[in-house]
Amino acid sequence: MKVTKEELISEAKYIKGNNNKLSTARKPTRMRLKALAIEEGMLLEIEERTALKRAFKAKRKKFGESTSTPELVQLAILSNIKLDDIWN
């Protein structure tokens, strides 16, 4: 799954706050943002949250943008969204 630049930056702001390496990078490319996320150790969490949010949008389910990752997983289970399909 390819995560867009905007998704990388917005999820990094959610995880680490406004003052992080991804949001302060100047004229970043997607690959540079991905490398910074790996350095910060948050790439997997960003990809997980992005996959869950995309699944909710595809199923037209409502969720809060500030909902934590465990709560998103619980919502996916309650909404009968197959988690195997999301991560494969």
PDB file of N, CA and C in Angstrom:
ATOM      1  N   MET A   1       0.837  -1.171   0.000  1.00  0.00           N
ATOM      2  CA  MET A   1       0.000   0.000   0.000  1.00  0.00           C
ATOM      3  C   MET A   1       0.886   1.240   0.000  1.00  0.00           C
ATOM      4  N   LYS A   2       0.574   2.166  -0.878  1.00  0.00           N
ATOM      5  CA  LYS A   2       1.320   3.409  -0.927  1.00  0.00           C
ATOM      6  C   LYS A   2       0.608   4.460  -0.092  1.00  0.00           C
ATOM      7  N   VAL A   3       1.335   5.025   0.833  1.00  0.00           N
ATOM      8  CA  VAL A   3       0.815   6.094   1.673  1.00  0.00           C
ATOM      9  C   VAL A   3       1.218   7.413   1.024  1.00  0.00           C
ATOM     10  N   THR A   4       0.278   8.338   0.886  1.00  0.00           N
ATOM     11  CA  THR A   4       0.579   9.614   0.245  1.00  0.00           C
ATOM     12  C   THR A   4       1.357  10.523   1.179  1.00  0.00           C
ATOM     13  N   LYS A   5       1.917  11.580   0.605  1.00  0.00           N
ATOM     14  CA  LYS A   5       2.669  12.545   1.408  1.00  0.00           C
ATOM     15  C   LYS A   5       1.786  13.183   2.469  1.00  0.00           C
ATOM     16  N   GLU A   6       0.579  13.533   2.084  1.00  0.00           N
ATOM     17  CA  GLU A   6      -0.325  14.187   3.021  1.00  0.00           C
ATOM     18  C   GLU A   6      -0.683  13.259   4.175  1.00  0.00           C
ATOM     19  N   GLU A   7      -0.898  11.984   3.872  1.00  0.00           N
ATOM     20  CA  GLU A   7      -1.210  11.016   4.926  1.00  0.00           C
ATOM     21  C   GLU A   7      -0.026  10.824   5.858  1.00  0.00           C
ATOM     22  N   LEU A   8       1.183  10.757   5.294  1.00  0.00           N
ATOM     23  CA  LEU A   8       2.374  10.615   6.135  1.00  0.00           C
ATOM     24  C   LEU A   8       2.506  11.787   7.103  1.00  0.00           C
ATOM     25  N   ILE A   9       2.328  12.994   6.592  1.00  0.00           N
ATOM     26  CA  ILE A   9       2.484  14.183   7.427  1.00  0.00           C
ATOM     27  C   ILE A   9       1.374  14.278   8.474  1.00  0.00           C
ATOM     28  N   SER A  10       0.126  14.037   8.071  1.00  0.00           N
ATOM     29  CA  SER A  10      -0.977  14.181   9.027  1.00  0.00           C
ATOM     30  C   SER A  10      -0.910  13.124  10.124  1.00  0.00           C
ATOM     31  N   GLU A  11      -0.566  11.888   9.771  1.00  0.00           N
ATOM     32  CA  GLU A  11      -0.465  10.848  10.793  1.00  0.00           C
ATOM     33  C   GLU A  11       0.741  11.072  11.697  1.00  0.00           C
ATOM     34  N   ALA A  12       1.829  11.616  11.161  1.00  0.00           N
ATOM     35  CA  ALA A  12       2.986  11.928  11.999  1.00  0.00           C
ATOM     36  C   ALA A  12       2.621  13.019  13.006  1.00  0.00           C
ATOM     37  N   LYS A  13       1.807  13.978  12.574  1.00  0.00           N
ATOM     38  CA  LYS A  13       1.343  15.013  13.501  1.00  0.00           C
ATOM     39  C   LYS A  13       0.477  14.408  14.600  1.00  0.00           C
ATOM     40  N   TYR A  14      -0.342  13.423  14.250  1.00  0.00           N
ATOM     41  CA  TYR A  14      -1.174  12.770  15.256  1.00  0.00           C
ATOM     42  C   TYR A  14      -0.308  11.998  16.250  1.00  0.00           C
ATOM     43  N   ILE A  15       0.704  11.297  15.754  1.00  0.00           N
ATOM     44  CA  ILE A  15       1.526  10.429  16.608  1.00  0.00           C
ATOM     45  C   ILE A  15       2.504  11.232  17.462  1.00  0.00           C
ATOM     46  N   LYS A  16       3.247  12.140  16.844  1.00  0.00           N
ATOM     47  CA  LYS A  16       4.326  12.845  17.550  1.00  0.00           C
ATOM     48  C   LYS A  16       4.041  14.320  17.809  1.00  0.00           C
ATOM     49  N   GLY A  17       2.916  14.831  17.388  1.00  0.00           N
ATOM     50  CA  GLY A  17       2.619  16.247  17.564  1.00  0.00           C
ATOM     51  C   GLY A  17       3.097  17.054  16.364  1.00  0.00           C
ATOM     52  N   ASN A  18       2.897  18.361  16.419  1.00  0.00           N
ATOM     53  CA  ASN A  18       3.237  19.222  15.284  1.00  0.00           C
ATOM     54  C   ASN A  18       4.730  19.377  15.059  1.00  0.00           C
ATOM     55  N   ASN A  19       5.524  19.163  16.078  1.00  0.00           N
ATOM     56  CA  ASN A  19       6.960  19.404  15.973  1.00  0.00           C
ATOM     57  C   ASN A  19       7.694  18.075  15.785  1.00  0.00           C
ATOM     58  N   ASN A  20       7.668  17.537  14.573  1.00  0.00           N
ATOM     59  CA  ASN A  20       8.382  16.300  14.276  1.00  0.00           C
ATOM     60  C   ASN A  20       9.144  16.457  12.965  1.00  0.00           C
ATOM     61  N   LYS A  21       9.988  15.498  12.647  1.00  0.00           N
ATOM     62  CA  LYS A  21      10.844  15.597  11.459  1.00  0.00           C
ATOM     63  C   LYS A  21      10.048  15.609  10.163  1.00  0.00           C
ATOM     64  N   LEU A  22       8.941  14.895  10.126  1.00  0.00           N
ATOM     65  CA  LEU A  22       8.178  14.822   8.886  1.00  0.00           C
ATOM     66  C   LEU A  22       7.471  16.132   8.561  1.00  0.00           C
ATOM     67  N   SER A  23       6.939  16.785   9.569  1.00  0.00           N
ATOM     68  CA  SER A  23       6.200  18.021   9.295  1.00  0.00           C
ATOM     69  C   SER A  23       7.116  19.220   9.120  1.00  0.00           C
ATOM     70  N   THR A  24       8.368  19.110   9.539  1.00  0.00           N
ATOM     71  CA  THR A  24       9.298  20.233   9.393  1.00  0.00           C
ATOM     72  C   THR A  24      10.235  20.074   8.206  1.00  0.00           C
ATOM     73  N   ALA A  25      10.122  18.979   7.442  1.00  0.00           N
ATOM     74  CA  ALA A  25      10.977  18.774   6.270  1.00  0.00           C
ATOM     75  C   ALA A  25      10.594  19.760   5.171  1.00  0.00           C
ATOM     76  N   ARG A  26      11.601  20.284   4.498  1.00  0.00           N
ATOM     77  CA  ARG A  26      11.348  21.262   3.433  1.00  0.00           C
ATOM     78  C   ARG A  26      11.316  20.570   2.078  1.00  0.00           C
ATOM     79  N   LYS A  27      10.275  20.820   1.308  1.00  0.00           N
ATOM     80  CA  LYS A  27      10.056  20.256  -0.017  1.00  0.00           C
ATOM     81  C   LYS A  27      10.353  18.753  -0.045  1.00  0.00           C
ATOM     82  N   PRO A  28       9.655  17.994   0.791  1.00  0.00           N
ATOM     83  CA  PRO A  28       9.953  16.556   0.860  1.00  0.00           C
ATOM     84  C   PRO A  28       9.284  15.759  -0.262  1.00  0.00           C
ATOM     85  N   THR A  29       9.919  14.692  -0.631  1.00  0.00           N
ATOM     86  CA  THR A  29       9.301  13.730  -1.526  1.00  0.00           C
ATOM     87  C   THR A  29       8.665  12.641  -0.665  1.00  0.00           C
ATOM     88  N   ARG A  30       7.864  11.803  -1.282  1.00  0.00           N
ATOM     89  CA  ARG A  30       7.224  10.739  -0.521  1.00  0.00           C
ATOM     90  C   ARG A  30       8.257   9.764   0.023  1.00  0.00           C
ATOM     91  N   MET A  31       9.270   9.469  -0.773  1.00  0.00           N
ATOM     92  CA  MET A  31      10.308   8.539  -0.320  1.00  0.00           C
ATOM     93  C   MET A  31      11.130   9.138   0.824  1.00  0.00           C
ATOM     94  N   ARG A  32      11.392  10.431   0.785  1.00  0.00           N
ATOM     95  CA  ARG A  32      12.121  11.079   1.880  1.00  0.00           C
ATOM     96  C   ARG A  32      11.297  11.067   3.157  1.00  0.00           C
ATOM     97  N   LEU A  33      10.002  11.330   3.042  1.00  0.00           N
ATOM     98  CA  LEU A  33       9.136  11.276   4.212  1.00  0.00           C
ATOM     99  C   LEU A  33       9.072   9.864   4.783  1.00  0.00           C
ATOM    100  N   LYS A  34       9.055   8.887   3.894  1.00  0.00           N
ATOM    101  CA  LYS A  34       9.027   7.503   4.337  1.00  0.00           C
ATOM    102  C   LYS A  34      10.321   7.151   5.075  1.00  0.00           C
ATOM    103  N   ALA A  35      11.456   7.622   4.577  1.00  0.00           N
ATOM    104  CA  ALA A  35      12.743   7.380   5.239  1.00  0.00           C
ATOM    105  C   ALA A  35      12.783   8.060   6.613  1.00  0.00           C
ATOM    106  N   LEU A  36      12.239   9.269   6.702  1.00  0.00           N
ATOM    107  CA  LEU A  36      12.178   9.960   7.996  1.00  0.00           C
ATOM    108  C   LEU A  36      11.268   9.226   8.971  1.00  0.00           C
ATOM    109  N   ALA A  37      10.170   8.683   8.465  1.00  0.00           N
ATOM    110  CA  ALA A  37       9.258   7.923   9.328  1.00  0.00           C
ATOM    111  C   ALA A  37       9.931   6.653   9.846  1.00  0.00           C
ATOM    112  N   ILE A  38      10.751   6.039   9.009  1.00  0.00           N
ATOM    113  CA  ILE A  38      11.502   4.859   9.450  1.00  0.00           C
ATOM    114  C   ILE A  38      12.498   5.250  10.530  1.00  0.00           C
ATOM    115  N   GLU A  39      13.184   6.369  10.336  1.00  0.00           N
ATOM    116  CA  GLU A  39      14.136   6.859  11.350  1.00  0.00           C
ATOM    117  C   GLU A  39      13.447   7.111  12.681  1.00  0.00           C
ATOM    118  N   GLU A  40      12.255   7.669  12.619  1.00  0.00           N
ATOM    119  CA  GLU A  40      11.502   7.989  13.826  1.00  0.00           C
ATOM    120  C   GLU A  40      10.810   6.760  14.426  1.00  0.00           C
ATOM    121  N   GLY A  41      10.751   5.675  13.674  1.00  0.00           N
ATOM    122  CA  GLY A  41      10.140   4.452  14.160  1.00  0.00           C
ATOM    123  C   GLY A  41       8.623   4.476  14.159  1.00  0.00           C
ATOM    124  N   MET A  42       8.032   5.215  13.232  1.00  0.00           N
ATOM    125  CA  MET A  42       6.573   5.302  13.222  1.00  0.00           C
ATOM    126  C   MET A  42       5.945   4.929  11.885  1.00  0.00           C
ATOM    127  N   LEU A  43       6.705   4.365  10.979  1.00  0.00           N
ATOM    128  CA  LEU A  43       6.167   4.032   9.663  1.00  0.00           C
ATOM    129  C   LEU A  43       5.077   2.976   9.743  1.00  0.00           C
ATOM    130  N   LEU A  44       5.281   1.937  10.512  1.00  0.00           N
ATOM    131  CA  LEU A  44       4.277   0.877  10.602  1.00  0.00           C
ATOM    132  C   LEU A  44       2.967   1.380  11.202  1.00  0.00           C
ATOM    133  N   GLU A  45       3.068   2.235  12.206  1.00  0.00           N
ATOM    134  CA  GLU A  45       1.846   2.783  12.806  1.00  0.00           C
ATOM    135  C   GLU A  45       1.114   3.686  11.821  1.00  0.00           C
ATOM    136  N   ILE A  46       1.864   4.456  11.044  1.00  0.00           N
ATOM    137  CA  ILE A  46       1.246   5.319  10.034  1.00  0.00           C
ATOM    138  C   ILE A  46       0.537   4.476   8.983  1.00  0.00           C
ATOM    139  N   GLU A  47       1.208   3.424   8.509  1.00  0.00           N
ATOM    140  CA  GLU A  47       0.592   2.569   7.492  1.00  0.00           C
ATOM    141  C   GLU A  47      -0.645   1.854   8.033  1.00  0.00           C
ATOM    142  N   GLU A  48      -0.590   1.434   9.297  1.00  0.00           N
ATOM    143  CA  GLU A  48      -1.737   0.757   9.899  1.00  0.00           C
ATOM    144  C   GLU A  48      -2.936   1.692  10.016  1.00  0.00           C
ATOM    145  N   ARG A  49      -2.710   2.890  10.536  1.00  0.00           N
ATOM    146  CA  ARG A  49      -3.805   3.852  10.679  1.00  0.00           C
ATOM    147  C   ARG A  49      -4.379   4.240   9.325  1.00  0.00           C
ATOM    148  N   THR A  50      -3.505   4.420   8.337  1.00  0.00           N
ATOM    149  CA  THR A  50      -3.964   4.792   7.004  1.00  0.00           C
ATOM    150  C   THR A  50      -4.809   3.682   6.385  1.00  0.00           C
ATOM    151  N   ALA A  51      -4.384   2.439   6.538  1.00  0.00           N
ATOM    152  CA  ALA A  51      -5.145   1.310   5.992  1.00  0.00           C
ATOM    153  C   ALA A  51      -6.516   1.209   6.655  1.00  0.00           C
ATOM    154  N   LEU A  52      -6.558   1.393   7.970  1.00  0.00           N
ATOM    155  CA  LEU A  52      -7.836   1.341   8.672  1.00  0.00           C
ATOM    156  C   LEU A  52      -8.758   2.470   8.236  1.00  0.00           C
ATOM    157  N   LYS A  53      -8.231   3.674   8.121  1.00  0.00           N
ATOM    158  CA  LYS A  53      -9.051   4.812   7.706  1.00  0.00           C
ATOM    159  C   LYS A  53      -9.584   4.628   6.294  1.00  0.00           C
ATOM    160  N   ARG A  54      -8.743   4.100   5.397  1.00  0.00           N
ATOM    161  CA  ARG A  54      -9.203   3.851   4.034  1.00  0.00           C
ATOM    162  C   ARG A  54     -10.315   2.808   4.002  1.00  0.00           C
ATOM    163  N   ALA A  55     -10.193   1.783   4.846  1.00  0.00           N
ATOM    164  CA  ALA A  55     -11.237   0.752   4.909  1.00  0.00           C
ATOM    165  C   ALA A  55     -12.555   1.338   5.407  1.00  0.00           C
ATOM    166  N   PHE A  56     -12.480   2.223   6.406  1.00  0.00           N
ATOM    167  CA  PHE A  56     -13.693   2.862   6.908  1.00  0.00           C
ATOM    168  C   PHE A  56     -14.330   3.741   5.838  1.00  0.00           C
ATOM    169  N   LYS A  57     -13.507   4.473   5.107  1.00  0.00           N
ATOM    170  CA  LYS A  57     -14.051   5.337   4.062  1.00  0.00           C
ATOM    171  C   LYS A  57     -14.659   4.518   2.931  1.00  0.00           C
ATOM    172  N   ALA A  58     -14.051   3.383   2.620  1.00  0.00           N
ATOM    173  CA  ALA A  58     -14.588   2.527   1.560  1.00  0.00           C
ATOM    174  C   ALA A  58     -15.930   1.926   1.955  1.00  0.00           C
ATOM    175  N   LYS A  59     -16.086   1.602   3.231  1.00  0.00           N
ATOM    176  CA  LYS A  59     -17.347   1.048   3.732  1.00  0.00           C
ATOM    177  C   LYS A  59     -18.335   2.126   4.144  1.00  0.00           C
ATOM    178  N   ARG A  60     -17.914   3.391   4.035  1.00  0.00           N
ATOM    179  CA  ARG A  60     -18.738   4.545   4.408  1.00  0.00           C
ATOM    180  C   ARG A  60     -19.168   4.494   5.871  1.00  0.00           C
ATOM    181  N   LYS A  61     -18.215   4.117   6.717  1.00  0.00           N
ATOM    182  CA  LYS A  61     -18.435   4.087   8.163  1.00  0.00           C
ATOM    183  C   LYS A  61     -17.876   5.368   8.764  1.00  0.00           C
ATOM    184  N   LYS A  62     -18.550   5.882   9.787  1.00  0.00           N
ATOM    185  CA  LYS A  62     -18.099   7.112  10.432  1.00  0.00           C
ATOM    186  C   LYS A  62     -17.104   6.781  11.543  1.00  0.00           C
ATOM    187  N   PHE A  63     -16.088   7.629  11.655  1.00  0.00           N
ATOM    188  CA  PHE A  63     -15.079   7.495  12.698  1.00  0.00           C
ATOM    189  C   PHE A  63     -14.472   8.862  12.942  1.00  0.00           C
ATOM    190  N   GLY A  64     -13.878   9.043  14.101  1.00  0.00           N
ATOM    191  CA  GLY A  64     -13.229  10.302  14.425  1.00  0.00           C
ATOM    192  C   GLY A  64     -11.780  10.300  13.963  1.00  0.00           C
ATOM    193  N   GLU A  65     -11.331  11.400  13.408  1.00  0.00           N
ATOM    194  CA  GLU A  65      -9.950  11.491  12.942  1.00  0.00           C
ATOM    195  C   GLU A  65      -8.948  11.362  14.088  1.00  0.00           C
ATOM    196  N   SER A  66      -9.367  11.731  15.289  1.00  0.00           N
ATOM    197  CA  SER A  66      -8.455  11.658  16.434  1.00  0.00           C
ATOM    198  C   SER A  66      -8.615  10.361  17.227  1.00  0.00           C
ATOM    199  N   THR A  67      -9.319   9.387  16.660  1.00  0.00           N
ATOM    200  CA  THR A  67      -9.509   8.101  17.322  1.00  0.00           C
ATOM    201  C   THR A  67      -8.189   7.345  17.340  1.00  0.00           C
ATOM    202  N   SER A  68      -7.876   6.722  18.472  1.00  0.00           N
ATOM    203  CA  SER A  68      -6.608   6.000  18.585  1.00  0.00           C
ATOM    204  C   SER A  68      -6.644   4.728  17.738  1.00  0.00           C
ATOM    205  N   THR A  69      -5.468   4.190  17.455  1.00  0.00           N
ATOM    206  CA  THR A  69      -5.356   3.001  16.611  1.00  0.00           C
ATOM    207  C   THR A  69      -6.074   1.790  17.205  1.00  0.00           C
ATOM    208  N   PRO A  70      -5.907   1.492  18.515  1.00  0.00           N
ATOM    209  CA  PRO A  70      -6.665   0.355  19.059  1.00  0.00           C
ATOM    210  C   PRO A  70      -8.180   0.523  18.947  1.00  0.00           C
ATOM    211  N   GLU A  71      -8.662   1.744  19.108  1.00  0.00           N
ATOM    212  CA  GLU A  71     -10.091   1.987  18.958  1.00  0.00           C
ATOM    213  C   GLU A  71     -10.535   1.806  17.507  1.00  0.00           C
ATOM    214  N   LEU A  72      -9.671   2.184  16.551  1.00  0.00           N
ATOM    215  CA  LEU A  72      -9.999   1.965  15.139  1.00  0.00           C
ATOM    216  C   LEU A  72     -10.090   0.473  14.832  1.00  0.00           C
ATOM    217  N   VAL A  73      -9.194  -0.312  15.419  1.00  0.00           N
ATOM    218  CA  VAL A  73      -9.241  -1.763  15.213  1.00  0.00           C
ATOM    219  C   VAL A  73     -10.527  -2.326  15.797  1.00  0.00           C
ATOM    220  N   GLN A  74     -10.900  -1.884  16.995  1.00  0.00           N
ATOM    221  CA  GLN A  74     -12.150  -2.345  17.613  1.00  0.00           C
ATOM    222  C   GLN A  74     -13.354  -1.968  16.753  1.00  0.00           C
ATOM    223  N   LEU A  75     -13.365  -0.740  16.235  1.00  0.00           N
ATOM    224  CA  LEU A  75     -14.454  -0.310  15.359  1.00  0.00           C
ATOM    225  C   LEU A  75     -14.517  -1.168  14.100  1.00  0.00           C
ATOM    226  N   ALA A  76     -13.350  -1.522  13.563  1.00  0.00           N
ATOM    227  CA  ALA A  76     -13.316  -2.365  12.366  1.00  0.00           C
ATOM    228  C   ALA A  76     -13.903  -3.739  12.659  1.00  0.00           C
ATOM    229  N   ILE A  77     -13.586  -4.275  13.822  1.00  0.00           N
ATOM    230  CA  ILE A  77     -14.128  -5.585  14.199  1.00  0.00           C
ATOM    231  C   ILE A  77     -15.641  -5.498  14.373  1.00  0.00           C
ATOM    232  N   LEU A  78     -16.108  -4.456  15.058  1.00  0.00           N
ATOM    233  CA  LEU A  78     -17.551  -4.287  15.271  1.00  0.00           C
ATOM    234  C   LEU A  78     -18.302  -3.997  13.972  1.00  0.00           C
ATOM    235  N   SER A  79     -17.626  -3.372  13.010  1.00  0.00           N
ATOM    236  CA  SER A  79     -18.257  -3.024  11.732  1.00  0.00           C
ATOM    237  C   SER A  79     -18.144  -4.139  10.698  1.00  0.00           C
ATOM    238  N   ASN A  80     -17.642  -5.297  11.124  1.00  0.00           N
ATOM    239  CA  ASN A  80     -17.480  -6.453  10.239  1.00  0.00           C
ATOM    240  C   ASN A  80     -16.560  -6.167   9.058  1.00  0.00           C
ATOM    241  N   ILE A  81     -15.535  -5.373   9.282  1.00  0.00           N
ATOM    242  CA  ILE A  81     -14.510  -5.144   8.271  1.00  0.00           C
ATOM    243  C   ILE A  81     -13.450  -6.209   8.474  1.00  0.00           C
ATOM    244  N   LYS A  82     -13.140  -6.952   7.438  1.00  0.00           N
ATOM    245  CA  LYS A  82     -12.177  -8.037   7.539  1.00  0.00           C
ATOM    246  C   LYS A  82     -10.760  -7.470   7.593  1.00  0.00           C
ATOM    247  N   LEU A  83     -10.101  -7.650   8.723  1.00  0.00           N
ATOM    248  CA  LEU A  83      -8.772  -7.090   8.914  1.00  0.00           C
ATOM    249  C   LEU A  83      -7.736  -7.759   8.027  1.00  0.00           C
ATOM    250  N   ASP A  84      -7.945  -9.029   7.681  1.00  0.00           N
ATOM    251  CA  ASP A  84      -7.003  -9.711   6.782  1.00  0.00           C
ATOM    252  C   ASP A  84      -6.968  -9.056   5.416  1.00  0.00           C
ATOM    253  N   ASP A  85      -8.114  -8.585   4.954  1.00  0.00           N
ATOM    254  CA  ASP A  85      -8.176  -7.926   3.647  1.00  0.00           C
ATOM    255  C   ASP A  85      -7.492  -6.569   3.664  1.00  0.00           C
ATOM    256  N   ILE A  86      -7.477  -5.914   4.809  1.00  0.00           N
ATOM    257  CA  ILE A  86      -6.870  -4.591   4.922  1.00  0.00           C
ATOM    258  C   ILE A  86      -5.349  -4.686   4.786  1.00  0.00           C
ATOM    259  N   TRP A  87      -4.752  -5.622   5.508  1.00  0.00           N
ATOM    260  CA  TRP A  87      -3.289  -5.667   5.571  1.00  0.00           C
ATOM    261  C   TRP A  87      -2.663  -6.555   4.506  1.00  0.00           C
ATOM    262  N   ASN A  88      -3.441  -7.173   3.654  1.00  0.00           N
ATOM    263  CA  ASN A  88      -2.868  -7.985   2.577  1.00  0.00           C
ATOM    264  C   ASN A  88      -2.953  -7.277   1.259  1.00  0.00           C
TER     265      ASN A  88
END
